[in-house]
C-alpha atoms as a PDB file:
ATOM      1  CA  MET A   1      10.080  14.768  -8.460  1.00  0.00           C
ATOM      2  CA  SER A   2       8.673  12.578  -5.696  1.00  0.00           C
ATOM      3  CA  ARG A   3      10.157   9.178  -4.871  1.00  0.00           C
ATOM      4  CA  LEU A   4       6.943   7.529  -6.062  1.00  0.00           C
ATOM      5  CA  THR A   5       7.045   9.279  -9.427  1.00  0.00           C
ATOM      6  CA  ALA A   6      10.731   8.448  -9.836  1.00  0.00           C
ATOM      7  CA  VAL A   7      10.158   4.761  -9.033  1.00  0.00           C
ATOM      8  CA  PHE A   8       7.316   4.386 -11.509  1.00  0.00           C
ATOM      9  CA  GLU A   9       9.174   6.277 -14.239  1.00  0.00           C
ATOM     10  CA  ASN A  10      12.315   4.186 -13.765  1.00  0.00           C
ATOM     11  CA  LEU A  11      10.312   0.956 -13.820  1.00  0.00           C
ATOM     12  CA  ALA A  12       8.441   2.016 -16.964  1.00  0.00           C
ATOM     13  CA  GLN A  13      11.712   2.787 -18.735  1.00  0.00           C
ATOM     14  CA  ALA A  14      12.973  -0.675 -17.784  1.00  0.00           C
ATOM     15  CA  GLY A  15       9.758  -2.376 -18.883  1.00  0.00           C
ATOM     16  CA  ARG A  16       9.041  -3.595 -15.352  1.00  0.00           C
ATOM     17  CA  LYS A  17       6.131  -3.270 -12.921  1.00  0.00           C
ATOM     18  CA  ALA A  18       6.099  -2.260  -9.265  1.00  0.00           C
ATOM     19  CA  LEU A  19       5.724  -4.783  -6.472  1.00  0.00           C
ATOM     20  CA  ILE A  20       4.071  -3.174  -3.443  1.00  0.00           C
ATOM     21  CA  PRO A  21       3.664  -5.155  -0.209  1.00  0.00           C
ATOM     22  CA  PHE A  22       1.342  -4.097   2.593  1.00  0.00           C
ATOM     23  CA  VAL A  23       2.247  -4.892   6.194  1.00  0.00           C
ATOM     24  CA  THR A  24       0.718  -3.665   9.443  1.00  0.00           C
ATOM     25  CA  ALA A  25       3.135  -1.713  11.631  1.00  0.00           C
ATOM     26  CA  GLY A  26       3.751  -3.519  14.911  1.00  0.00           C
ATOM     27  CA  ASP A  27       2.453  -6.925  13.833  1.00  0.00           C
ATOM     28  CA  PRO A  28       3.241  -9.301  15.480  1.00  0.00           C
ATOM     29  CA  THR A  29       5.584  -7.042  17.502  1.00  0.00           C
ATOM     30  CA  PRO A  30       6.991  -3.542  16.986  1.00  0.00           C
ATOM     31  CA  GLU A  31      10.500  -5.056  16.813  1.00  0.00           C
ATOM     32  CA  PHE A  32       9.504  -7.247  13.856  1.00  0.00           C
ATOM     33  CA  THR A  33       8.367  -4.630  11.357  1.00  0.00           C
ATOM     34  CA  LEU A  34      11.512  -2.616  10.668  1.00  0.00           C
ATOM     35  CA  PRO A  35      13.758  -5.621   9.848  1.00  0.00           C
ATOM     36  CA  LEU A  36      10.926  -6.990   7.704  1.00  0.00           C
ATOM     37  CA  MET A  37      10.751  -3.736   5.734  1.00  0.00           C
ATOM     38  CA  HIS A  38      14.459  -3.918   4.942  1.00  0.00           C
ATOM     39  CA  ALA A  39      14.218  -7.609   4.055  1.00  0.00           C
ATOM     40  CA  MET A  40      11.341  -6.907   1.670  1.00  0.00           C
ATOM     41  CA  VAL A  41      13.419  -4.285  -0.122  1.00  0.00           C
ATOM     42  CA  ALA A  42      16.226  -6.818  -0.486  1.00  0.00           C
ATOM     43  CA  ALA A  43      13.664  -9.238  -1.971  1.00  0.00           C
ATOM     44  CA  GLY A  44      12.883  -6.763  -4.750  1.00  0.00           C
ATOM     45  CA  VAL A  45       9.886  -4.699  -3.669  1.00  0.00           C
ATOM     46  CA  ASP A  46       9.600  -1.165  -5.018  1.00  0.00           C
ATOM     47  CA  VAL A  47       7.234   0.617  -2.605  1.00  0.00           C
ATOM     48  CA  ILE A  48       6.109  -0.290   0.919  1.00  0.00           C
ATOM     49  CA  GLU A  49       2.564   0.313   2.123  1.00  0.00           C
ATOM     50  CA  LEU A  50       2.861   0.574   5.894  1.00  0.00           C
ATOM     51  CA  GLY A  51      -0.465  -0.037   7.615  1.00  0.00           C
ATOM     52  CA  VAL A  52      -1.461   2.129  10.572  1.00  0.00           C
ATOM     53  CA  PRO A  53      -3.293  -0.157  13.036  1.00  0.00           C
ATOM     54  CA  PHE A  54      -6.911   0.808  13.666  1.00  0.00           C
ATOM     55  CA  SER A  55      -9.628  -0.666  15.855  1.00  0.00           C
ATOM     56  CA  ASP A  56     -12.305  -0.708  13.141  1.00  0.00           C
ATOM     57  CA  PRO A  57     -10.625  -1.460   9.782  1.00  0.00           C
ATOM     58  CA  MET A  58     -13.884  -1.762   7.851  1.00  0.00           C
ATOM     59  CA  ALA A  59     -12.340  -2.357   4.406  1.00  0.00           C
ATOM     60  CA  ASP A  60     -10.147  -5.190   5.622  1.00  0.00           C
ATOM     61  CA  GLY A  61     -10.882  -8.885   5.855  1.00  0.00           C
ATOM     62  CA  PRO A  62     -10.215 -11.094   8.890  1.00  0.00           C
ATOM     63  CA  VAL A  63      -6.480 -11.511   8.239  1.00  0.00           C
ATOM     64  CA  ILE A  64      -5.663  -7.792   8.298  1.00  0.00           C
ATOM     65  CA  GLN A  65      -8.238  -7.101  11.012  1.00  0.00           C
ATOM     66  CA  LYS A  66      -6.406  -9.537  13.294  1.00  0.00           C
ATOM     67  CA  ALA A  67      -3.086  -7.928  12.354  1.00  0.00           C
ATOM     68  CA  SER A  68      -4.441  -4.590  13.579  1.00  0.00           C
ATOM     69  CA  GLU A  69      -5.642  -6.241  16.780  1.00  0.00           C
ATOM     70  CA  ARG A  70      -2.207  -7.735  17.433  1.00  0.00           C
ATOM     71  CA  ALA A  71      -0.489  -4.410  16.738  1.00  0.00           C
ATOM     72  CA  LEU A  72      -2.886  -2.432  18.938  1.00  0.00           C
ATOM     73  CA  ALA A  73      -2.308  -4.936  21.744  1.00  0.00           C
ATOM     74  CA  ASN A  74       1.369  -3.942  21.392  1.00  0.00           C
ATOM     75  CA  LYS A  75       0.390  -0.272  21.890  1.00  0.00           C
ATOM     76  CA  MET A  76       1.115   0.688  18.280  1.00  0.00           C
ATOM     77  CA  SER A  77      -0.274   4.046  17.154  1.00  0.00           C
ATOM     78  CA  LEU A  78      -0.056   6.530  14.313  1.00  0.00           C
ATOM     79  CA  LYS A  79       2.791   8.369  16.070  1.00  0.00           C
ATOM     80  CA  LYS A  80       4.732   5.148  16.593  1.00  0.00           C
ATOM     81  CA  THR A  81       4.145   4.120  12.978  1.00  0.00           C
ATOM     82  CA  LEU A  82       5.574   7.442  11.820  1.00  0.00           C
ATOM     83  CA  ALA A  83       8.563   6.945  14.126  1.00  0.00           C
ATOM     84  CA  MET A  84       9.116   3.509  12.577  1.00  0.00           C
ATOM     85  CA  ALA A  85       9.082   5.022   9.084  1.00  0.00           C
ATOM     86  CA  ALA A  86      11.586   7.668  10.170  1.00  0.00           C
ATOM     87  CA  GLU A  87      13.872   4.939  11.527  1.00  0.00           C
ATOM     88  CA  PHE A  88      13.654   3.054   8.219  1.00  0.00           C
ATOM     89  CA  ARG A  89      14.587   6.206   6.341  1.00  0.00           C
ATOM     90  CA  LYS A  90      17.869   6.527   8.251  1.00  0.00           C
ATOM     91  CA  THR A  91      19.330   3.661   6.203  1.00  0.00           C
ATOM     92  CA  ASN A  92      17.103   3.665   3.121  1.00  0.00           C
ATOM     93  CA  GLN A  93      16.724   6.900   1.193  1.00  0.00           C
ATOM     94  CA  SER A  94      15.236   5.439  -1.982  1.00  0.00           C
ATOM     95  CA  THR A  95      12.266   3.144  -1.252  1.00  0.00           C
ATOM     96  CA  PRO A  96       8.976   5.058  -1.015  1.00  0.00           C
ATOM     97  CA  ILE A  97       6.788   4.528   2.050  1.00  0.00           C
ATOM     98  CA  VAL A  98       3.022   4.959   1.776  1.00  0.00           C
ATOM     99  CA  LEU A  99       1.048   5.161   4.996  1.00  0.00           C
ATOM    100  CA  MET A 100      -2.210   3.241   4.626  1.00  0.00           C
ATOM    101  CA  GLY A 101      -4.950   3.503   7.185  1.00  0.00           C
ATOM    102  CA  TYR A 102      -8.151   5.159   8.305  1.00  0.00           C
ATOM    103  CA  LEU A 103      -9.214   8.728   8.945  1.00  0.00           C
ATOM    104  CA  ASN A 104      -9.926   8.638  12.682  1.00  0.00           C
ATOM    105  CA  PRO A 105      -6.281   8.647  13.902  1.00  0.00           C
ATOM    106  CA  ILE A 106      -5.453  11.443  11.440  1.00  0.00           C
ATOM    107  CA  GLU A 107      -8.381  13.554  12.604  1.00  0.00           C
ATOM    108  CA  ALA A 108      -7.388  12.937  16.220  1.00  0.00           C
ATOM    109  CA  MET A 109      -3.888  14.229  15.458  1.00  0.00           C
ATOM    110  CA  GLY A 110      -5.205  17.081  13.300  1.00  0.00           C
ATOM    111  CA  TYR A 111      -4.671  17.375   9.538  1.00  0.00           C
ATOM    112  CA  GLU A 112      -1.893  19.951   9.710  1.00  0.00           C
ATOM    113  CA  ASN A 113      -0.096  18.220  12.570  1.00  0.00           C
ATOM    114  CA  PHE A 114      -0.350  14.941  10.657  1.00  0.00           C
ATOM    115  CA  ALA A 115       1.034  16.542   7.492  1.00  0.00           C
ATOM    116  CA  ASP A 116       3.942  18.035   9.435  1.00  0.00           C
ATOM    117  CA  ALA A 117       4.672  14.743  11.205  1.00  0.00           C
ATOM    118  CA  SER A 118       4.537  12.831   7.919  1.00  0.00           C
ATOM    119  CA  GLN A 119       6.986  15.264   6.346  1.00  0.00           C
ATOM    120  CA  GLN A 120       9.340  14.930   9.323  1.00  0.00           C
ATOM    121  CA  ALA A 121       9.167  11.125   9.003  1.00  0.00           C
ATOM    122  CA  ASP A 122       9.927  11.439   5.258  1.00  0.00           C
ATOM    123  CA  ILE A 123       6.691   9.717   4.220  1.00  0.00           C
ATOM    124  CA  ASP A 124       6.085   9.665   0.463  1.00  0.00           C
ATOM    125  CA  GLY A 125       2.367   8.994   0.211  1.00  0.00           C
ATOM    126  CA  VAL A 126      -0.803   8.645   2.263  1.00  0.00           C
ATOM    127  CA  LEU A 127      -3.731   6.381   1.440  1.00  0.00           C
ATOM    128  CA  THR A 128      -6.700   6.935   3.739  1.00  0.00           C
ATOM    129  CA  VAL A 129      -9.249   4.219   3.050  1.00  0.00           C
ATOM    130  CA  ASP A 130     -12.321   6.093   4.289  1.00  0.00           C
ATOM    131  CA  LEU A 131     -11.459   9.570   2.992  1.00  0.00           C
ATOM    132  CA  PRO A 132     -13.137   9.981  -0.414  1.00  0.00           C
ATOM    133  CA  PRO A 133     -11.891  12.571  -2.910  1.00  0.00           C
ATOM    134  CA  GLU A 134     -15.066  14.609  -2.402  1.00  0.00           C
ATOM    135  CA  GLU A 135     -13.958  15.251   1.187  1.00  0.00           C
ATOM    136  CA  GLY A 136     -10.206  14.912   0.855  1.00  0.00           C
ATOM    137  CA  ALA A 137      -9.145  18.129  -0.859  1.00  0.00           C
ATOM    138  CA  ASP A 138      -8.078  19.962   2.313  1.00  0.00           C
ATOM    139  CA  CYS A 139      -5.925  17.129   3.618  1.00  0.00           C
ATOM    140  CA  ALA A 140      -4.491  16.476   0.150  1.00  0.00           C
ATOM    141  CA  ALA A 141      -3.516  20.141  -0.189  1.00  0.00           C
ATOM    142  CA  LEU A 142      -1.661  20.083   3.135  1.00  0.00           C
ATOM    143  CA  LEU A 143       0.200  16.944   2.115  1.00  0.00           C
ATOM    144  CA  LYS A 144       0.977  18.241  -1.369  1.00  0.00           C
ATOM    145  CA  ALA A 145       2.481  21.405   0.094  1.00  0.00           C
ATOM    146  CA  ARG A 146       4.923  19.134   1.922  1.00  0.00           C
ATOM    147  CA  GLY A 147       5.774  16.995  -1.099  1.00  0.00           C
ATOM    148  CA  ILE A 148       3.591  14.042  -0.057  1.00  0.00           C
ATOM    149  CA  ASP A 149       1.301  12.247  -2.502  1.00  0.00           C
ATOM    150  CA  THR A 150      -2.337  11.506  -1.720  1.00  0.00           C
ATOM    151  CA  ILE A 151      -3.422   8.135  -3.078  1.00  0.00           C
ATOM    152  CA  PHE A 152      -7.046   7.154  -3.594  1.00  0.00           C
ATOM    153  CA  LEU A 153      -8.836   3.829  -3.913  1.00  0.00           C
ATOM    154  CA  LEU A 154     -10.723   3.069  -7.116  1.00  0.00           C
ATOM    155  CA  ALA A 155     -13.492   0.467  -7.076  1.00  0.00           C
ATOM    156  CA  PRO A 156     -14.840  -1.718  -9.915  1.00  0.00           C
ATOM    157  CA  ASN A 157     -17.928   0.512 -10.072  1.00  0.00           C
ATOM    158  CA  SER A 158     -16.098   3.869  -9.939  1.00  0.00           C
ATOM    159  CA  SER A 159     -17.569   6.235 -12.519  1.00  0.00           C
ATOM    160  CA  GLU A 160     -15.528   8.239 -15.010  1.00  0.00           C
ATOM    161  CA  GLU A 161     -16.462  11.385 -13.103  1.00  0.00           C
ATOM    162  CA  ARG A 162     -15.088   9.909  -9.883  1.00  0.00           C
ATOM    163  CA  ILE A 163     -11.895   8.748 -11.569  1.00  0.00           C
ATOM    164  CA  ARG A 164     -11.348  12.298 -12.834  1.00  0.00           C
ATOM    165  CA  LYS A 165     -11.962  13.662  -9.342  1.00  0.00           C
ATOM    166  CA  MET A 166      -9.380  11.315  -7.860  1.00  0.00           C
ATOM    167  CA  THR A 167      -6.786  12.142 -10.487  1.00  0.00           C
ATOM    168  CA  SER A 168      -7.325  15.889 -10.061  1.00  0.00           C
ATOM    169  CA  ILE A 169      -6.711  15.724  -6.298  1.00  0.00           C
ATOM    170  CA  GLY A 170      -4.516  12.659  -5.963  1.00  0.00           C
ATOM    171  CA  SER A 171      -0.982  11.903  -7.119  1.00  0.00           C
ATOM    172  CA  GLY A 172       1.650   9.172  -6.982  1.00  0.00           C
ATOM    173  CA  TYR A 173      -0.548   6.313  -8.157  1.00  0.00           C
ATOM    174  CA  LEU A 174      -4.107   5.059  -8.008  1.00  0.00           C
ATOM    175  CA  TYR A 175      -4.966   1.908  -6.092  1.00  0.00           C
ATOM    176  CA  TYR A 176      -7.528  -0.176  -7.970  1.00  0.00           C
ATOM    177  CA  VAL A 177      -9.543  -2.452  -5.685  1.00  0.00           C
ATOM    178  CA  SER A 178     -10.012  -5.387  -8.021  1.00  0.00           C
ATOM    179  CA  LEU A 179     -12.715  -7.144  -5.987  1.00  0.00           C
ATOM    180  CA  LYS A 180     -15.997  -6.146  -4.407  1.00  0.00           C
ATOM    181  CA  GLY A 181     -15.714  -6.789  -0.694  1.00  0.00           C
ATOM    182  CA  VAL A 182     -12.904  -6.702   1.845  1.00  0.00           C
ATOM    183  CA  THR A 183      -9.192  -7.422   1.526  1.00  0.00           C
ATOM    184  CA  GLY A 184      -8.240 -11.032   0.956  1.00  0.00           C
ATOM    185  CA  ALA A 185     -11.653 -12.013  -0.411  1.00  0.00           C
ATOM    186  CA  GLY A 186     -12.681 -13.822  -3.555  1.00  0.00           C
ATOM    187  CA  HIS A 187     -10.915 -14.594  -6.808  1.00  0.00           C
ATOM    188  CA  LEU A 188      -9.676 -12.169  -9.402  1.00  0.00           C
ATOM    189  CA  ASN A 189     -11.378 -11.938 -12.771  1.00  0.00           C
ATOM    190  CA  ILE A 190      -8.507 -10.733 -14.925  1.00  0.00           C
ATOM    191  CA  ALA A 191     -10.732  -9.841 -17.880  1.00  0.00           C
ATOM    192  CA  ASP A 192     -12.777  -7.532 -15.647  1.00  0.00           C
ATOM    193  CA  VAL A 193      -9.606  -5.964 -14.245  1.00  0.00           C
ATOM    194  CA  GLU A 194      -8.174  -5.396 -17.723  1.00  0.00           C
ATOM    195  CA  ASN A 195     -11.387  -3.785 -18.975  1.00  0.00           C
ATOM    196  CA  LYS A 196     -11.559  -1.427 -16.001  1.00  0.00           C
ATOM    197  CA  LEU A 197      -7.899  -0.476 -16.325  1.00  0.00           C
ATOM    198  CA  LYS A 198      -8.484   0.448 -19.971  1.00  0.00           C
ATOM    199  CA  GLN A 199     -11.248   2.800 -18.819  1.00  0.00           C
ATOM    200  CA  ILE A 200      -8.988   4.308 -16.165  1.00  0.00           C
ATOM    201  CA  LYS A 201      -6.038   4.670 -18.554  1.00  0.00           C
ATOM    202  CA  ALA A 202      -8.242   6.522 -21.035  1.00  0.00           C
ATOM    203  CA  ILE A 203      -8.750   9.187 -18.362  1.00  0.00           C
ATOM    204  CA  THR A 204      -5.375   9.473 -16.621  1.00  0.00           C
ATOM    205  CA  THR A 205      -1.683   8.791 -17.166  1.00  0.00           C
ATOM    206  CA  MET A 206      -1.205   8.158 -13.444  1.00  0.00           C
ATOM    207  CA  PRO A 207       0.138   4.666 -12.639  1.00  0.00           C
ATOM    208  CA  VAL A 208      -2.450   2.179 -11.401  1.00  0.00           C
ATOM    209  CA  GLY A 209      -1.708  -0.481  -8.815  1.00  0.00           C
ATOM    210  CA  VAL A 210      -3.998  -3.483  -8.448  1.00  0.00           C
ATOM    211  CA  GLY A 211      -4.717  -5.103  -5.101  1.00  0.00           C
ATOM    212  CA  PHE A 212      -7.274  -7.133  -3.096  1.00  0.00           C
ATOM    213  CA  GLY A 213      -6.955 -10.788  -4.101  1.00  0.00           C
ATOM    214  CA  VAL A 214      -3.281 -11.137  -5.085  1.00  0.00           C
ATOM    215  CA  LYS A 215      -2.318 -14.417  -3.463  1.00  0.00           C
ATOM    216  CA  ASP A 216       0.598 -16.005  -5.318  1.00  0.00           C
ATOM    217  CA  ALA A 217       3.308 -15.529  -7.939  1.00  0.00           C
ATOM    218  CA  GLN A 218       1.093 -16.550 -10.849  1.00  0.00           C
ATOM    219  CA  THR A 219      -1.565 -14.002  -9.902  1.00  0.00           C
ATOM    220  CA  ALA A 220       1.126 -11.333  -9.529  1.00  0.00           C
ATOM    221  CA  LYS A 221       2.473 -12.179 -12.988  1.00  0.00           C
ATOM    222  CA  THR A 222      -0.991 -11.932 -14.527  1.00  0.00           C
ATOM    223  CA  ILE A 223      -1.762  -8.618 -12.826  1.00  0.00           C
ATOM    224  CA  ALA A 224       1.623  -7.237 -13.910  1.00  0.00           C
ATOM    225  CA  SER A 225       0.637  -7.869 -17.512  1.00  0.00           C
ATOM    226  CA  VAL A 226      -2.276  -5.399 -17.250  1.00  0.00           C
ATOM    227  CA  GLY A 227      -1.443  -2.980 -14.401  1.00  0.00           C
ATOM    228  CA  ASP A 228       1.479  -0.795 -13.381  1.00  0.00           C
ATOM    229  CA  ALA A 229       1.845  -2.296  -9.914  1.00  0.00           C
ATOM    230  CA  VAL A 230       0.887  -5.394  -7.949  1.00  0.00           C
ATOM    231  CA  VAL A 231      -0.213  -4.796  -4.351  1.00  0.00           C
ATOM    232  CA  VAL A 232      -0.174  -7.728  -1.938  1.00  0.00           C
ATOM    233  CA  GLY A 233      -1.215  -7.709   1.718  1.00  0.00           C
ATOM    234  CA  SER A 234      -3.332 -10.514   3.157  1.00  0.00           C
ATOM    235  CA  ALA A 235      -1.204 -13.228   1.559  1.00  0.00           C
ATOM    236  CA  LEU A 236       1.816 -11.838   3.441  1.00  0.00           C
ATOM    237  CA  ILE A 237       0.127 -11.189   6.756  1.00  0.00           C
ATOM    238  CA  SER A 238      -1.327 -14.697   6.779  1.00  0.00           C
ATOM    239  CA  LYS A 239       2.268 -15.921   7.130  1.00  0.00           C
ATOM    240  CA  ILE A 240       2.473 -14.030  10.440  1.00  0.00           C
ATOM    241  CA  GLU A 241      -0.889 -15.360  11.579  1.00  0.00           C
ATOM    242  CA  ASN A 242       0.148 -18.936  10.748  1.00  0.00           C
ATOM    243  CA  ASN A 243       3.418 -18.710  12.696  1.00  0.00           C
ATOM    244  CA  PRO A 244       2.431 -17.133  16.022  1.00  0.00           C
ATOM    245  CA  ALA A 245       5.365 -18.612  17.932  1.00  0.00           C
ATOM    246  CA  ASN A 246       7.969 -18.239  15.177  1.00  0.00           C
ATOM    247  CA  PRO A 247       8.137 -14.751  13.646  1.00  0.00           C
ATOM    248  CA  GLU A 248      11.431 -15.526  11.898  1.00  0.00           C
ATOM    249  CA  GLN A 249       9.701 -18.341  10.039  1.00  0.00           C
ATOM    250  CA  ALA A 250       6.937 -15.920   9.106  1.00  0.00           C
ATOM    251  CA  LYS A 251       9.516 -13.459   7.778  1.00  0.00           C
ATOM    252  CA  ALA A 252      11.235 -16.182   5.762  1.00  0.00           C
ATOM    253  CA  GLU A 253       7.922 -17.223   4.185  1.00  0.00           C
ATOM    254  CA  ILE A 254       7.017 -13.604   3.394  1.00  0.00           C
ATOM    255  CA  ILE A 255      10.368 -13.042   1.683  1.00  0.00           C
ATOM    256  CA  GLN A 256      10.039 -16.311  -0.213  1.00  0.00           C
ATOM    257  CA  LEU A 257       6.616 -15.299  -1.562  1.00  0.00           C
ATOM    258  CA  LEU A 258       7.740 -11.791  -2.507  1.00  0.00           C
ATOM    259  CA  SER A 259      10.858 -13.136  -4.230  1.00  0.00           C
ATOM    260  CA  ALA A 260       8.713 -15.551  -6.228  1.00  0.00           C
ATOM    261  CA  MET A 261       6.342 -12.732  -7.187  1.00  0.00           C
ATOM    262  CA  ARG A 262       9.236 -10.500  -8.244  1.00  0.00           C
ATOM    263  CA  ALA A 263      10.719 -13.238 -10.413  1.00  0.00           C
ATOM    264  CA  ALA A 264       7.354 -14.067 -12.000  1.00  0.00           C
ATOM    265  CA  MET A 265       6.572 -10.410 -12.697  1.00  0.00           C
ATOM    266  CA  ASP A 266       9.955  -9.806 -14.293  1.00  0.00           C
ATOM    267  CA  ALA A 267       9.467 -12.855 -16.486  1.00  0.00           C
ATOM    268  CA  ALA A 268       6.071 -11.638 -17.727  1.00  0.00           C
END
């Protein structure tokens, strides 16, 4: 059983939902990310989505785009992100790490080399934003052979056929993009999210995480009432952007927000 499956099963048995933060590796500095990952676990997160910096993050809004720019200025790369995950794993054997990024760095490394490197770093899942299920079977098979889950993004307009395709190739969980547009945009319509999740749940038993637009503890609590996981990214990274000269303050604000989300979700 994969770490992701075990986490979601344990949470379901306890009547709780997963809290999944997204952070960009190397933002604002490479030295910042690893302590932040450990601090987030202490704050009650269940899975960490670790962003691989990329020069053209087309699905991301300005906040995460700038995070990638800061990380790339620090010479972060896919290889260095994997090394960071491996370092985290030396002292944490239980919290799943999902690499989230874009296809170009993976193609540059080569699918099989990437799968091997991910296994060596003890990565649990890979979410490649611009790799659709129609083109992702080969990469997913290489990852699956190494015990790594392939996670796909579902959109509000995803058809039942496409949901079935994703669930036949993917594993771990599905990531439901609750808004049309880029990360950090707009306001959630909970009724729309609930209706779409009912459609998804009629097709698959795979857990569904909801992201894009989760900004505060109240939103996290509401999402937790309809989904299996709450994914938060831009709201965390904005703390780094707003404290350019004081990363420790940024970390404290990130932990404060995640702790509030955890408490609100558990009270739902």
